[in-house]
Amino acid sequence: MEGDKNILLANLTDPFSKIIIDILDQWGYNVVLMEKPINLESISSSRRFNLIIYQFSEFSEREYQFLEAIKVRTGRSPIMATSNYISVRECFRMAKAGVQEYFGQPFQPLELKKLMENIASDGTSTECRLNSSFT
């Protein structure tokens, strides 16, 4: 991710948001946190993000609608998703919704960095990597 290193964190919950913000800050990223759909208006449609990290908590229709609204507002920024659990069904649903990468929680910071580098290098991956959080 070259140039400005802007990352949008959306739908994240505490304490996960604090952890990931600290990690990204240490790596030199500019982080914008968007907790609720109502905050979409605060994001300029001309602002570009190198990456969007979106947290699913229940894989509800509301969460997918929020993700779609973010995509419309921010353009073609690559999207990574995270959650405490994942199913094969949701993996396919996320890919259909435009998510390029997935990482489970808890996660290792170096795992996140590797996924971020993968998405930055090609930006086209649509794999849903079912890692150790898959049960």
N, C-alpha and C. Protein backbone atom coordinates (compact mmCIF):
# COMPACT_ATOMS: atom_id res chain seq x y z
N MET A 1 0.85 -1.17 0.00
CA MET A 1 0.00 0.00 0.00
C MET A 1 0.89 1.22 0.00
N GLU A 2 0.96 1.85 -1.12
CA GLU A 2 1.88 2.95 -1.27
C GLU A 2 1.16 4.28 -1.15
N GLY A 3 1.98 5.35 -1.02
CA GLY A 3 1.41 6.70 -0.90
C GLY A 3 0.75 6.87 0.43
N ASP A 4 -0.36 7.64 0.44
CA ASP A 4 -1.13 7.78 1.67
C ASP A 4 -1.60 6.40 2.10
N LYS A 5 -1.50 6.15 3.36
CA LYS A 5 -1.86 4.84 3.89
C LYS A 5 -3.13 4.99 4.71
N ASN A 6 -4.26 5.15 4.02
CA ASN A 6 -5.54 5.38 4.68
C ASN A 6 -6.33 4.08 4.75
N ILE A 7 -6.79 3.76 5.95
CA ILE A 7 -7.60 2.56 6.16
C ILE A 7 -8.89 2.94 6.87
N LEU A 8 -10.00 2.45 6.34
CA LEU A 8 -11.29 2.64 6.97
C LEU A 8 -11.63 1.38 7.75
N LEU A 9 -11.89 1.53 9.03
CA LEU A 9 -12.33 0.43 9.89
C LEU A 9 -13.82 0.63 10.13
N ALA A 10 -14.62 -0.35 9.74
CA ALA A 10 -16.07 -0.18 9.84
C ALA A 10 -16.72 -1.32 10.62
N ASN A 11 -17.69 -0.93 11.42
CA ASN A 11 -18.52 -1.87 12.17
C ASN A 11 -17.71 -2.64 13.22
N LEU A 12 -16.59 -2.09 13.65
CA LEU A 12 -15.76 -2.76 14.63
C LEU A 12 -16.29 -2.55 16.04
N THR A 13 -16.09 -3.54 16.87
CA THR A 13 -16.55 -3.48 18.25
C THR A 13 -15.34 -3.45 19.19
N ASP A 14 -15.55 -2.89 20.37
CA ASP A 14 -14.51 -2.93 21.40
C ASP A 14 -14.46 -4.34 21.96
N PRO A 15 -13.36 -4.84 22.42
CA PRO A 15 -12.04 -4.22 22.45
C PRO A 15 -11.27 -4.40 21.15
N PHE A 16 -11.87 -5.12 20.18
CA PHE A 16 -11.16 -5.38 18.92
C PHE A 16 -10.73 -4.10 18.23
N SER A 17 -11.58 -3.08 18.23
CA SER A 17 -11.24 -1.83 17.54
C SER A 17 -10.00 -1.19 18.14
N LYS A 18 -9.88 -1.20 19.45
CA LYS A 18 -8.70 -0.61 20.09
C LYS A 18 -7.43 -1.36 19.72
N ILE A 19 -7.51 -2.68 19.68
CA ILE A 19 -6.34 -3.50 19.35
C ILE A 19 -5.88 -3.23 17.93
N ILE A 20 -6.81 -3.30 16.99
CA ILE A 20 -6.41 -3.15 15.59
C ILE A 20 -5.98 -1.71 15.28
N ILE A 21 -6.60 -0.73 15.91
CA ILE A 21 -6.18 0.66 15.71
C ILE A 21 -4.74 0.84 16.20
N ASP A 22 -4.42 0.30 17.36
CA ASP A 22 -3.05 0.39 17.88
C ASP A 22 -2.05 -0.26 16.93
N ILE A 23 -2.38 -1.43 16.41
CA ILE A 23 -1.48 -2.13 15.50
C ILE A 23 -1.27 -1.32 14.22
N LEU A 24 -2.36 -0.88 13.60
CA LEU A 24 -2.25 -0.12 12.35
C LEU A 24 -1.53 1.20 12.56
N ASP A 25 -1.76 1.84 13.69
CA ASP A 25 -1.06 3.09 14.02
C ASP A 25 0.44 2.85 14.12
N GLN A 26 0.84 1.76 14.75
CA GLN A 26 2.27 1.44 14.86
C GLN A 26 2.88 1.19 13.49
N TRP A 27 2.11 0.70 12.55
CA TRP A 27 2.60 0.44 11.21
C TRP A 27 2.55 1.69 10.32
N GLY A 28 2.08 2.81 10.86
CA GLY A 28 2.08 4.07 10.12
C GLY A 28 0.86 4.34 9.26
N TYR A 29 -0.25 3.67 9.54
CA TYR A 29 -1.47 3.90 8.77
C TYR A 29 -2.32 5.00 9.39
N ASN A 30 -3.02 5.74 8.54
CA ASN A 30 -4.02 6.71 8.99
C ASN A 30 -5.34 5.96 9.07
N VAL A 31 -5.91 5.89 10.26
CA VAL A 31 -7.10 5.09 10.48
C VAL A 31 -8.32 5.97 10.68
N VAL A 32 -9.40 5.64 9.96
CA VAL A 32 -10.69 6.28 10.15
C VAL A 32 -11.63 5.20 10.67
N LEU A 33 -12.27 5.47 11.79
CA LEU A 33 -13.17 4.50 12.40
C LEU A 33 -14.62 4.91 12.15
N MET A 34 -15.39 3.99 11.58
CA MET A 34 -16.81 4.24 11.32
C MET A 34 -17.60 3.13 12.01
N GLU A 35 -18.25 3.49 13.09
CA GLU A 35 -18.93 2.48 13.89
C GLU A 35 -20.36 2.20 13.44
N LYS A 36 -21.02 3.19 12.86
CA LYS A 36 -22.44 3.05 12.53
C LYS A 36 -22.72 3.61 11.14
N PRO A 37 -23.75 3.10 10.46
CA PRO A 37 -24.09 3.60 9.13
C PRO A 37 -24.37 5.10 9.10
N ILE A 38 -24.86 5.65 10.20
CA ILE A 38 -25.18 7.08 10.23
C ILE A 38 -23.94 7.94 9.99
N ASN A 39 -22.77 7.38 10.27
CA ASN A 39 -21.50 8.11 10.10
C ASN A 39 -21.03 8.16 8.64
N LEU A 40 -21.74 7.52 7.73
CA LEU A 40 -21.34 7.52 6.32
C LEU A 40 -21.21 8.92 5.75
N GLU A 41 -22.09 9.81 6.16
CA GLU A 41 -22.07 11.17 5.63
C GLU A 41 -20.77 11.91 5.97
N SER A 42 -20.11 11.49 7.03
CA SER A 42 -18.86 12.15 7.43
C SER A 42 -17.70 11.78 6.53
N ILE A 43 -17.86 10.76 5.70
CA ILE A 43 -16.80 10.33 4.78
C ILE A 43 -17.04 10.98 3.43
N SER A 44 -16.10 11.79 3.01
CA SER A 44 -16.21 12.45 1.72
C SER A 44 -16.15 11.40 0.61
N SER A 45 -17.01 11.54 -0.38
CA SER A 45 -17.00 10.58 -1.49
C SER A 45 -15.72 10.70 -2.31
N SER A 46 -14.97 11.79 -2.14
CA SER A 46 -13.71 11.94 -2.87
C SER A 46 -12.53 11.35 -2.10
N ARG A 47 -12.74 10.99 -0.84
CA ARG A 47 -11.66 10.41 -0.04
C ARG A 47 -11.42 8.97 -0.46
N ARG A 48 -10.18 8.63 -0.66
CA ARG A 48 -9.82 7.28 -1.07
C ARG A 48 -9.15 6.54 0.08
N PHE A 49 -9.49 5.27 0.18
CA PHE A 49 -8.90 4.41 1.19
C PHE A 49 -8.11 3.30 0.50
N ASN A 50 -6.95 3.00 1.03
CA ASN A 50 -6.16 1.90 0.50
C ASN A 50 -6.80 0.57 0.84
N LEU A 51 -7.58 0.57 1.93
CA LEU A 51 -8.18 -0.67 2.40
C LEU A 51 -9.35 -0.36 3.33
N ILE A 52 -10.35 -1.23 3.28
CA ILE A 52 -11.45 -1.19 4.22
C ILE A 52 -11.42 -2.50 5.01
N ILE A 53 -11.44 -2.40 6.33
CA ILE A 53 -11.55 -3.59 7.17
C ILE A 53 -12.92 -3.53 7.84
N TYR A 54 -13.72 -4.56 7.59
CA TYR A 54 -15.11 -4.59 8.04
C TYR A 54 -15.32 -5.78 8.96
N GLN A 55 -15.89 -5.54 10.13
CA GLN A 55 -16.13 -6.61 11.08
C GLN A 55 -17.59 -7.05 11.05
N PHE A 56 -17.79 -8.34 10.84
CA PHE A 56 -19.12 -8.94 10.96
C PHE A 56 -19.27 -9.48 12.37
N SER A 57 -20.41 -9.21 12.99
CA SER A 57 -20.65 -9.78 14.31
C SER A 57 -21.74 -10.86 14.25
N GLU A 58 -22.69 -10.68 13.35
CA GLU A 58 -23.78 -11.66 13.27
C GLU A 58 -24.15 -12.03 11.84
N PHE A 59 -23.47 -11.47 10.86
CA PHE A 59 -23.74 -11.74 9.44
C PHE A 59 -25.19 -11.46 9.09
N SER A 60 -25.72 -10.36 9.64
CA SER A 60 -27.11 -9.99 9.40
C SER A 60 -27.25 -9.23 8.08
N GLU A 61 -28.47 -9.14 7.64
CA GLU A 61 -28.76 -8.36 6.43
C GLU A 61 -28.35 -6.91 6.62
N ARG A 62 -28.56 -6.38 7.82
CA ARG A 62 -28.18 -5.00 8.13
C ARG A 62 -26.67 -4.80 7.94
N GLU A 63 -25.87 -5.77 8.36
CA GLU A 63 -24.42 -5.64 8.19
C GLU A 63 -24.03 -5.66 6.72
N TYR A 64 -24.67 -6.50 5.93
CA TYR A 64 -24.37 -6.53 4.49
C TYR A 64 -24.82 -5.24 3.81
N GLN A 65 -25.94 -4.66 4.26
CA GLN A 65 -26.39 -3.38 3.71
C GLN A 65 -25.41 -2.27 4.06
N PHE A 66 -24.90 -2.26 5.28
CA PHE A 66 -23.90 -1.28 5.70
C PHE A 66 -22.65 -1.41 4.84
N LEU A 67 -22.20 -2.65 4.61
CA LEU A 67 -21.03 -2.87 3.77
C LEU A 67 -21.27 -2.34 2.35
N GLU A 68 -22.44 -2.59 1.81
CA GLU A 68 -22.77 -2.10 0.46
C GLU A 68 -22.77 -0.57 0.42
N ALA A 69 -23.32 0.07 1.44
CA ALA A 69 -23.33 1.54 1.49
C ALA A 69 -21.91 2.09 1.56
N ILE A 70 -21.04 1.42 2.28
CA ILE A 70 -19.64 1.84 2.35
C ILE A 70 -18.99 1.72 0.98
N LYS A 71 -19.23 0.61 0.29
CA LYS A 71 -18.66 0.42 -1.04
C LYS A 71 -19.11 1.52 -1.99
N VAL A 72 -20.39 1.87 -1.94
CA VAL A 72 -20.91 2.92 -2.81
C VAL A 72 -20.23 4.25 -2.49
N ARG A 73 -20.05 4.53 -1.22
CA ARG A 73 -19.50 5.81 -0.78
C ARG A 73 -18.00 5.94 -1.02
N THR A 74 -17.27 4.83 -0.94
CA THR A 74 -15.81 4.91 -0.99
C THR A 74 -15.21 4.46 -2.31
N GLY A 75 -15.99 3.97 -3.22
CA GLY A 75 -15.44 3.56 -4.51
C GLY A 75 -14.91 2.14 -4.50
N ARG A 76 -13.78 1.96 -5.12
CA ARG A 76 -13.26 0.61 -5.35
C ARG A 76 -12.18 0.18 -4.38
N SER A 77 -12.24 0.60 -3.17
CA SER A 77 -11.26 0.21 -2.18
C SER A 77 -11.38 -1.29 -1.89
N PRO A 78 -10.24 -1.98 -1.78
CA PRO A 78 -10.31 -3.40 -1.42
C PRO A 78 -10.88 -3.57 -0.02
N ILE A 79 -11.56 -4.71 0.19
CA ILE A 79 -12.23 -4.95 1.46
C ILE A 79 -11.72 -6.25 2.09
N MET A 80 -11.37 -6.15 3.36
CA MET A 80 -11.06 -7.31 4.18
C MET A 80 -12.15 -7.41 5.23
N ALA A 81 -12.55 -8.63 5.55
CA ALA A 81 -13.56 -8.82 6.59
C ALA A 81 -12.97 -9.65 7.72
N THR A 82 -13.57 -9.49 8.88
CA THR A 82 -13.16 -10.24 10.05
C THR A 82 -14.39 -10.58 10.88
N SER A 83 -14.26 -11.62 11.69
CA SER A 83 -15.34 -12.01 12.60
C SER A 83 -14.77 -12.99 13.62
N ASN A 84 -15.58 -13.26 14.64
CA ASN A 84 -15.18 -14.24 15.64
C ASN A 84 -15.39 -15.67 15.16
N TYR A 85 -16.24 -15.84 14.18
CA TYR A 85 -16.53 -17.17 13.64
C TYR A 85 -16.89 -17.02 12.17
N ILE A 86 -16.86 -18.12 11.45
CA ILE A 86 -17.19 -18.09 10.02
C ILE A 86 -17.78 -19.44 9.63
N SER A 87 -18.65 -19.42 8.67
CA SER A 87 -19.18 -20.66 8.09
C SER A 87 -18.87 -20.62 6.59
N VAL A 88 -18.93 -21.76 5.97
CA VAL A 88 -18.68 -21.82 4.54
C VAL A 88 -19.72 -20.97 3.80
N ARG A 89 -20.96 -21.02 4.24
CA ARG A 89 -22.03 -20.22 3.62
C ARG A 89 -21.70 -18.74 3.66
N GLU A 90 -21.27 -18.26 4.83
CA GLU A 90 -20.94 -16.83 4.96
C GLU A 90 -19.69 -16.48 4.18
N CYS A 91 -18.79 -17.42 4.06
CA CYS A 91 -17.59 -17.19 3.26
C CYS A 91 -17.98 -16.85 1.81
N PHE A 92 -18.85 -17.65 1.25
CA PHE A 92 -19.32 -17.39 -0.12
C PHE A 92 -20.13 -16.11 -0.20
N ARG A 93 -20.94 -15.86 0.80
CA ARG A 93 -21.76 -14.64 0.81
C ARG A 93 -20.88 -13.39 0.88
N MET A 94 -19.82 -13.44 1.69
CA MET A 94 -18.90 -12.30 1.76
C MET A 94 -18.20 -12.07 0.42
N ALA A 95 -17.75 -13.14 -0.22
CA ALA A 95 -17.09 -13.00 -1.52
C ALA A 95 -18.04 -12.36 -2.53
N LYS A 96 -19.29 -12.79 -2.52
CA LYS A 96 -20.29 -12.22 -3.43
C LYS A 96 -20.52 -10.74 -3.14
N ALA A 97 -20.38 -10.35 -1.86
CA ALA A 97 -20.57 -8.96 -1.45
C ALA A 97 -19.33 -8.09 -1.75
N GLY A 98 -18.27 -8.70 -2.25
CA GLY A 98 -17.10 -7.91 -2.64
C GLY A 98 -15.92 -7.97 -1.68
N VAL A 99 -15.98 -8.84 -0.70
CA VAL A 99 -14.87 -8.99 0.24
C VAL A 99 -13.76 -9.79 -0.43
N GLN A 100 -12.53 -9.25 -0.42
CA GLN A 100 -11.41 -9.93 -1.06
C GLN A 100 -10.62 -10.82 -0.12
N GLU A 101 -10.60 -10.49 1.16
CA GLU A 101 -9.83 -11.27 2.13
C GLU A 101 -10.61 -11.39 3.42
N TYR A 102 -10.31 -12.42 4.16
CA TYR A 102 -10.94 -12.65 5.46
C TYR A 102 -9.86 -13.05 6.46
N PHE A 103 -9.98 -12.54 7.68
CA PHE A 103 -9.13 -13.05 8.76
C PHE A 103 -9.97 -13.20 10.01
N GLY A 104 -9.72 -14.27 10.73
CA GLY A 104 -10.49 -14.58 11.93
C GLY A 104 -9.94 -13.89 13.16
N GLN A 105 -10.74 -13.90 14.19
CA GLN A 105 -10.32 -13.35 15.48
C GLN A 105 -10.31 -14.49 16.49
N PRO A 106 -9.36 -14.56 17.34
CA PRO A 106 -8.22 -13.66 17.44
C PRO A 106 -7.27 -13.87 16.27
N PHE A 107 -6.41 -12.91 16.04
CA PHE A 107 -5.49 -12.99 14.91
C PHE A 107 -4.09 -12.60 15.38
N GLN A 108 -3.12 -13.01 14.59
CA GLN A 108 -1.74 -12.61 14.83
C GLN A 108 -1.45 -11.38 13.96
N PRO A 109 -0.83 -10.34 14.51
CA PRO A 109 -0.55 -9.15 13.71
C PRO A 109 0.19 -9.44 12.41
N LEU A 110 1.15 -10.35 12.43
CA LEU A 110 1.88 -10.65 11.20
C LEU A 110 1.00 -11.33 10.16
N GLU A 111 0.00 -12.09 10.60
CA GLU A 111 -0.97 -12.67 9.68
C GLU A 111 -1.75 -11.56 8.99
N LEU A 112 -2.19 -10.57 9.76
CA LEU A 112 -2.92 -9.44 9.19
C LEU A 112 -2.04 -8.69 8.19
N LYS A 113 -0.81 -8.44 8.57
CA LYS A 113 0.10 -7.71 7.67
C LYS A 113 0.29 -8.46 6.35
N LYS A 114 0.45 -9.77 6.43
CA LYS A 114 0.63 -10.57 5.20
C LYS A 114 -0.61 -10.47 4.31
N LEU A 115 -1.80 -10.56 4.90
CA LEU A 115 -3.03 -10.43 4.11
C LEU A 115 -3.14 -9.05 3.49
N MET A 116 -2.74 -8.02 4.25
CA MET A 116 -2.78 -6.65 3.72
C MET A 116 -1.81 -6.50 2.55
N GLU A 117 -0.65 -7.12 2.64
CA GLU A 117 0.31 -7.07 1.54
C GLU A 117 -0.22 -7.82 0.32
N ASN A 118 -0.88 -8.96 0.55
CA ASN A 118 -1.47 -9.71 -0.57
C ASN A 118 -2.51 -8.88 -1.30
N ILE A 119 -3.38 -8.23 -0.56
CA ILE A 119 -4.44 -7.46 -1.17
C ILE A 119 -3.88 -6.21 -1.86
N ALA A 120 -2.79 -5.66 -1.33
CA ALA A 120 -2.17 -4.49 -1.94
C ALA A 120 -1.45 -4.86 -3.23
N SER A 121 -0.90 -6.07 -3.30
CA SER A 121 -0.13 -6.46 -4.47
C SER A 121 -1.01 -6.75 -5.68
N ASP A 122 -2.17 -7.36 -5.46
CA ASP A 122 -3.02 -7.64 -6.62
C ASP A 122 -4.43 -7.07 -6.50
N GLY A 123 -4.91 -6.93 -5.28
CA GLY A 123 -6.22 -6.32 -5.07
C GLY A 123 -7.38 -7.09 -5.66
N THR A 124 -7.11 -8.28 -6.18
CA THR A 124 -8.18 -8.99 -6.86
C THR A 124 -8.52 -10.33 -6.22
N SER A 125 -7.84 -10.69 -5.18
CA SER A 125 -8.10 -11.98 -4.54
C SER A 125 -9.54 -12.03 -4.05
N THR A 126 -10.20 -13.14 -4.29
CA THR A 126 -11.54 -13.32 -3.75
C THR A 126 -11.58 -14.57 -2.89
N GLU A 127 -10.44 -14.99 -2.40
CA GLU A 127 -10.39 -16.16 -1.55
C GLU A 127 -10.92 -15.84 -0.17
N CYS A 128 -11.62 -16.76 0.38
CA CYS A 128 -12.02 -16.65 1.78
C CYS A 128 -11.16 -17.66 2.51
N ARG A 129 -10.16 -17.19 3.16
CA ARG A 129 -9.21 -18.08 3.81
C ARG A 129 -9.78 -18.49 5.17
N LEU A 130 -10.14 -19.71 5.25
CA LEU A 130 -10.70 -20.23 6.49
C LEU A 130 -9.53 -20.68 7.35
N ASN A 131 -9.20 -19.85 8.33
CA ASN A 131 -8.04 -20.15 9.14
C ASN A 131 -8.44 -20.82 10.44
N SER A 132 -7.60 -20.70 11.44
CA SER A 132 -7.81 -21.43 12.68
C SER A 132 -9.10 -21.06 13.40
N SER A 133 -9.75 -19.96 13.02
CA SER A 133 -10.99 -19.59 13.69
C SER A 133 -12.18 -20.36 13.13
N PHE A 134 -11.98 -21.09 12.05
CA PHE A 134 -13.07 -21.86 11.45
C PHE A 134 -13.33 -23.12 12.26
N THR A 135 -14.56 -23.28 12.65
CA THR A 135 -14.90 -24.48 13.41
C THR A 135 -16.06 -25.20 12.76
